[in-house]
Amino acid sequence: MSRTRIKICGLTRPQDVAAAVEAGADAVGFVFYPPSPRNVSFVQAAELVARLPPFVTAVGLFVDPQTEFVAEALRRVPLQLLQFHGGERDARCAELSAGIPWIKAIRMCAGVDLLESSASHPGARGLLADALVDGFGGGGKTFDWSLLPAGLDRPLILAGGLDPDNVGEAVRRTRPWAVDVSSGVEIAKGIKDAAKIAAFVAEVRNADD
């Protein structure tokens, strides 16, 4: 059985980056969306990314950004993967990414067809299925996992309300390529808890066995 990859998103502090790395996260996410309580500046993000060891991917999250905003982020922060979380279409994602691999977040609810979303974003390296909540991500709410279709033609990243208590069940039921967590390992918005991160990773690994 393949190993489920793990992304810890919304990091804002050096100690939280260290906790994610120590626990065995495959990727860490930095939010470049000023309305979010987890937003980081380019200076903050660059300092945090500099702490990452080899083979831990730095992901930048954007929501319907301006072209120059993303270009400036890429000039100042060595991001390896981009995550577009708004209403960006495929061509727009390709334009903004400037050749860097990207994934597209889809906000799941009744009537959303992930297969259609996949077909309309052929350039995406994967699709991130998230809950439909106020704001963009980090809402702490799950969605109906039965909405996930069989036969998706690219990696599925499962997000939306995951935490140490439910991620094992989520992995066993949906068998995603990866899981993505933010609020589920926090003690406050943007402030992670090392014990929760470690517990989250352990539950994913248990579900992989």
Protein backbone atom coordinates (compact mmCIF):
# COMPACT_ATOMS: atom_id res chain seq x y z
CA MET A 1 0.00 0.00 0.00
CA SER A 2 1.32 3.44 -0.88
CA ARG A 3 2.23 5.90 1.85
CA THR A 4 -0.15 8.82 2.30
CA ARG A 5 1.71 12.10 1.99
CA ILE A 6 1.14 14.79 4.62
CA LYS A 7 1.06 18.57 4.33
CA ILE A 8 0.88 20.87 7.35
CA CYS A 9 -0.51 24.21 6.19
CA GLY A 10 -0.76 27.72 7.57
CA LEU A 11 2.62 27.81 9.31
CA THR A 12 3.72 31.13 10.76
CA ARG A 13 6.42 30.32 13.36
CA PRO A 14 9.85 28.67 13.26
CA GLN A 15 8.96 26.24 16.04
CA ASP A 16 5.94 25.05 14.07
CA VAL A 17 8.07 24.42 11.00
CA ALA A 18 10.46 22.45 13.19
CA ALA A 19 7.59 20.43 14.67
CA ALA A 20 6.22 19.58 11.23
CA VAL A 21 9.63 18.49 9.99
CA GLU A 22 10.36 16.48 13.13
CA ALA A 23 7.01 14.68 12.86
CA GLY A 24 7.73 13.66 9.29
CA ALA A 25 5.60 16.01 7.18
CA ASP A 26 6.24 15.81 3.45
CA ALA A 27 5.20 19.40 2.78
CA VAL A 28 4.49 22.62 4.63
CA GLY A 29 2.20 25.39 3.46
CA PHE A 30 2.49 29.16 3.72
CA VAL A 31 -0.58 31.35 3.22
CA PHE A 32 -0.21 34.45 1.04
CA TYR A 33 -3.72 35.80 1.48
CA PRO A 34 -3.87 38.95 3.63
CA PRO A 35 -7.43 38.42 4.99
CA SER A 36 -6.36 35.10 6.53
CA PRO A 37 -5.20 34.98 10.17
CA ARG A 38 -2.49 32.61 8.91
CA ASN A 39 -1.15 35.07 6.34
CA VAL A 40 2.62 35.54 6.28
CA SER A 41 4.74 38.22 4.67
CA PHE A 42 7.31 37.35 2.04
CA VAL A 43 10.05 38.08 4.56
CA GLN A 44 8.51 35.74 7.14
CA ALA A 45 7.99 33.01 4.58
CA ALA A 46 11.53 33.24 3.24
CA GLU A 47 12.92 32.87 6.76
CA LEU A 48 10.69 29.86 7.43
CA VAL A 49 11.46 28.14 4.12
CA ALA A 50 15.17 28.56 4.82
CA ARG A 51 14.71 26.22 7.78
CA LEU A 52 13.44 23.32 5.68
CA PRO A 53 15.69 20.33 5.09
CA PRO A 54 15.90 18.57 1.71
CA PHE A 55 12.81 16.69 0.51
CA VAL A 56 10.30 18.75 2.48
CA THR A 57 8.28 20.74 -0.06
CA ALA A 58 7.51 24.44 0.46
CA VAL A 59 3.99 25.23 -0.78
CA GLY A 60 2.60 28.72 -1.33
CA LEU A 61 -1.18 29.20 -1.06
CA PHE A 62 -2.86 31.99 -3.05
CA VAL A 63 -6.47 33.08 -3.48
CA ASP A 64 -7.32 34.85 -6.76
CA PRO A 65 -4.03 36.79 -6.61
CA GLN A 66 -2.77 39.57 -8.81
CA THR A 67 -0.03 38.60 -11.24
CA GLU A 68 2.61 40.85 -9.70
CA PHE A 69 1.81 39.59 -6.20
CA VAL A 70 2.65 36.01 -7.17
CA ALA A 71 5.68 37.13 -9.16
CA GLU A 72 7.01 39.00 -6.14
CA ALA A 73 6.38 35.97 -3.92
CA LEU A 74 8.35 33.77 -6.30
CA ARG A 75 11.20 36.27 -6.43
CA ARG A 76 11.50 36.42 -2.68
CA VAL A 77 10.46 32.96 -1.45
CA PRO A 78 11.88 29.69 -2.88
CA LEU A 79 8.53 27.95 -3.25
CA GLN A 80 8.43 24.53 -4.90
CA LEU A 81 4.68 24.11 -5.36
CA LEU A 82 1.80 26.57 -5.65
CA GLN A 83 -1.75 26.03 -4.40
CA PHE A 84 -4.54 28.10 -5.95
CA HIS A 85 -7.53 28.26 -3.65
CA GLY A 86 -9.87 30.70 -5.37
CA GLY A 87 -11.78 30.72 -8.64
CA GLU A 88 -8.69 30.56 -10.85
CA ARG A 89 -9.14 28.77 -14.16
CA ASP A 90 -6.50 26.52 -15.68
CA ALA A 91 -5.00 29.14 -17.98
CA ARG A 92 -4.78 31.64 -15.15
CA CYS A 93 -3.06 29.12 -12.87
CA ALA A 94 -0.55 28.34 -15.62
CA GLU A 95 0.13 32.04 -16.15
CA LEU A 96 0.60 32.77 -12.46
CA SER A 97 2.76 29.74 -11.71
CA ALA A 98 5.48 30.73 -14.19
CA GLY A 99 6.44 27.12 -14.74
CA ILE A 100 6.32 26.01 -11.10
CA PRO A 101 4.07 22.98 -10.45
CA TRP A 102 0.68 23.81 -9.01
CA ILE A 103 -2.39 22.20 -7.49
CA LYS A 104 -5.98 23.44 -7.50
CA ALA A 105 -8.25 23.49 -4.46
CA ILE A 106 -11.89 22.60 -5.06
CA ARG A 107 -14.46 23.55 -2.42
CA MET A 108 -16.70 20.53 -2.08
CA CYS A 109 -20.47 20.59 -1.64
CA ALA A 110 -23.50 18.95 -3.20
CA GLY A 111 -23.44 19.53 -6.94
CA VAL A 112 -19.68 19.91 -7.27
CA ASP A 113 -18.27 17.31 -9.68
CA LEU A 114 -14.60 16.69 -8.99
CA LEU A 115 -14.22 14.85 -12.30
CA GLU A 116 -15.41 17.97 -14.12
CA SER A 117 -13.05 20.09 -12.04
CA SER A 118 -10.21 17.79 -13.00
CA ALA A 119 -11.07 18.02 -16.69
CA SER A 120 -11.21 21.82 -16.52
CA HIS A 121 -7.79 22.06 -14.83
CA PRO A 122 -5.57 19.79 -16.95
CA GLY A 123 -2.40 21.57 -15.84
CA ALA A 124 -2.89 20.82 -12.15
CA ARG A 125 -0.53 18.26 -10.64
CA GLY A 126 -3.28 17.33 -8.21
CA LEU A 127 -6.65 18.41 -6.84
CA LEU A 128 -7.18 19.42 -3.22
CA ALA A 129 -10.71 18.66 -2.03
CA ASP A 130 -11.65 21.07 0.74
CA ALA A 131 -14.79 21.96 2.66
CA LEU A 132 -16.95 24.87 1.56
CA VAL A 133 -16.61 27.34 4.45
CA ASP A 134 -16.52 31.09 4.96
CA GLY A 135 -13.09 32.29 3.93
CA PHE A 136 -10.67 29.94 2.22
CA GLY A 137 -9.42 26.95 4.20
CA GLY A 138 -8.74 26.50 7.88
CA GLY A 139 -12.42 26.40 8.78
CA GLY A 140 -12.22 23.20 10.78
CA LYS A 141 -15.21 21.61 8.99
CA THR A 142 -15.30 18.35 7.08
CA PHE A 143 -17.36 17.67 3.97
CA ASP A 144 -19.23 14.56 2.86
CA TRP A 145 -16.46 12.25 1.69
CA SER A 146 -18.96 10.31 -0.40
CA LEU A 147 -18.82 13.25 -2.82
CA LEU A 148 -15.35 12.07 -3.86
CA PRO A 149 -15.64 10.14 -7.13
CA ALA A 150 -13.85 7.03 -8.21
CA GLY A 151 -11.57 7.21 -11.22
CA LEU A 152 -9.96 10.59 -10.61
CA ASP A 153 -7.10 10.88 -13.09
CA ARG A 154 -4.63 12.67 -10.83
CA PRO A 155 -3.53 12.74 -7.19
CA LEU A 156 -6.23 13.64 -4.65
CA ILE A 157 -5.27 15.73 -1.64
CA LEU A 158 -7.89 15.50 1.09
CA ALA A 159 -8.44 18.56 3.29
CA GLY A 160 -11.27 20.11 5.25
CA GLY A 161 -11.64 19.67 9.01
CA LEU A 162 -9.07 16.92 9.39
CA ASP A 163 -7.54 16.40 12.83
CA PRO A 164 -5.86 13.60 14.82
CA ASP A 165 -9.28 12.17 15.77
CA ASN A 166 -10.69 11.73 12.25
CA VAL A 167 -7.77 11.55 9.84
CA GLY A 168 -7.29 7.81 10.27
CA GLU A 169 -10.88 7.14 9.23
CA ALA A 170 -10.55 9.65 6.39
CA VAL A 171 -7.49 7.89 4.98
CA ARG A 172 -9.04 4.44 5.28
CA ARG A 173 -12.28 5.53 3.59
CA THR A 174 -10.94 7.68 0.77
CA ARG A 175 -7.34 6.50 0.23
CA PRO A 176 -6.08 9.91 -0.93
CA TRP A 177 -2.62 10.57 -2.29
CA ALA A 178 -2.13 13.10 0.51
CA VAL A 179 -3.86 14.83 3.41
CA ASP A 180 -3.66 18.51 4.28
CA VAL A 181 -4.26 19.92 7.76
CA SER A 182 -4.26 23.41 9.25
CA SER A 183 -6.77 24.19 12.01
CA GLY A 184 -6.84 20.57 13.17
CA VAL A 185 -3.34 20.86 14.65
CA GLU A 186 -3.67 24.35 16.13
CA ILE A 187 -4.12 25.84 19.56
CA ALA A 188 -5.07 29.19 17.97
CA LYS A 189 -5.36 30.38 14.40
CA GLY A 190 -1.89 30.26 12.88
CA ILE A 191 -0.37 28.77 16.04
CA LYS A 192 0.35 25.06 15.75
CA ASP A 193 0.70 22.50 18.51
CA ALA A 194 3.65 20.11 18.21
CA ALA A 195 1.85 17.30 20.04
CA LYS A 196 -1.17 17.58 17.72
CA ILE A 197 1.08 17.55 14.65
CA ALA A 198 2.84 14.43 15.90
CA ALA A 199 -0.48 12.75 16.69
CA PHE A 200 -1.89 13.64 13.27
CA VAL A 201 1.10 12.14 11.48
CA ALA A 202 0.97 9.02 13.65
CA GLU A 203 -2.71 8.46 12.84
CA VAL A 204 -2.03 8.75 9.12
CA ARG A 205 0.79 6.25 9.36
CA ASN A 206 -1.43 3.85 11.35
CA ALA A 207 -4.09 4.08 8.64
CA ASP A 208 -1.50 3.26 5.99
CA ASP A 209 -0.59 -0.06 7.65
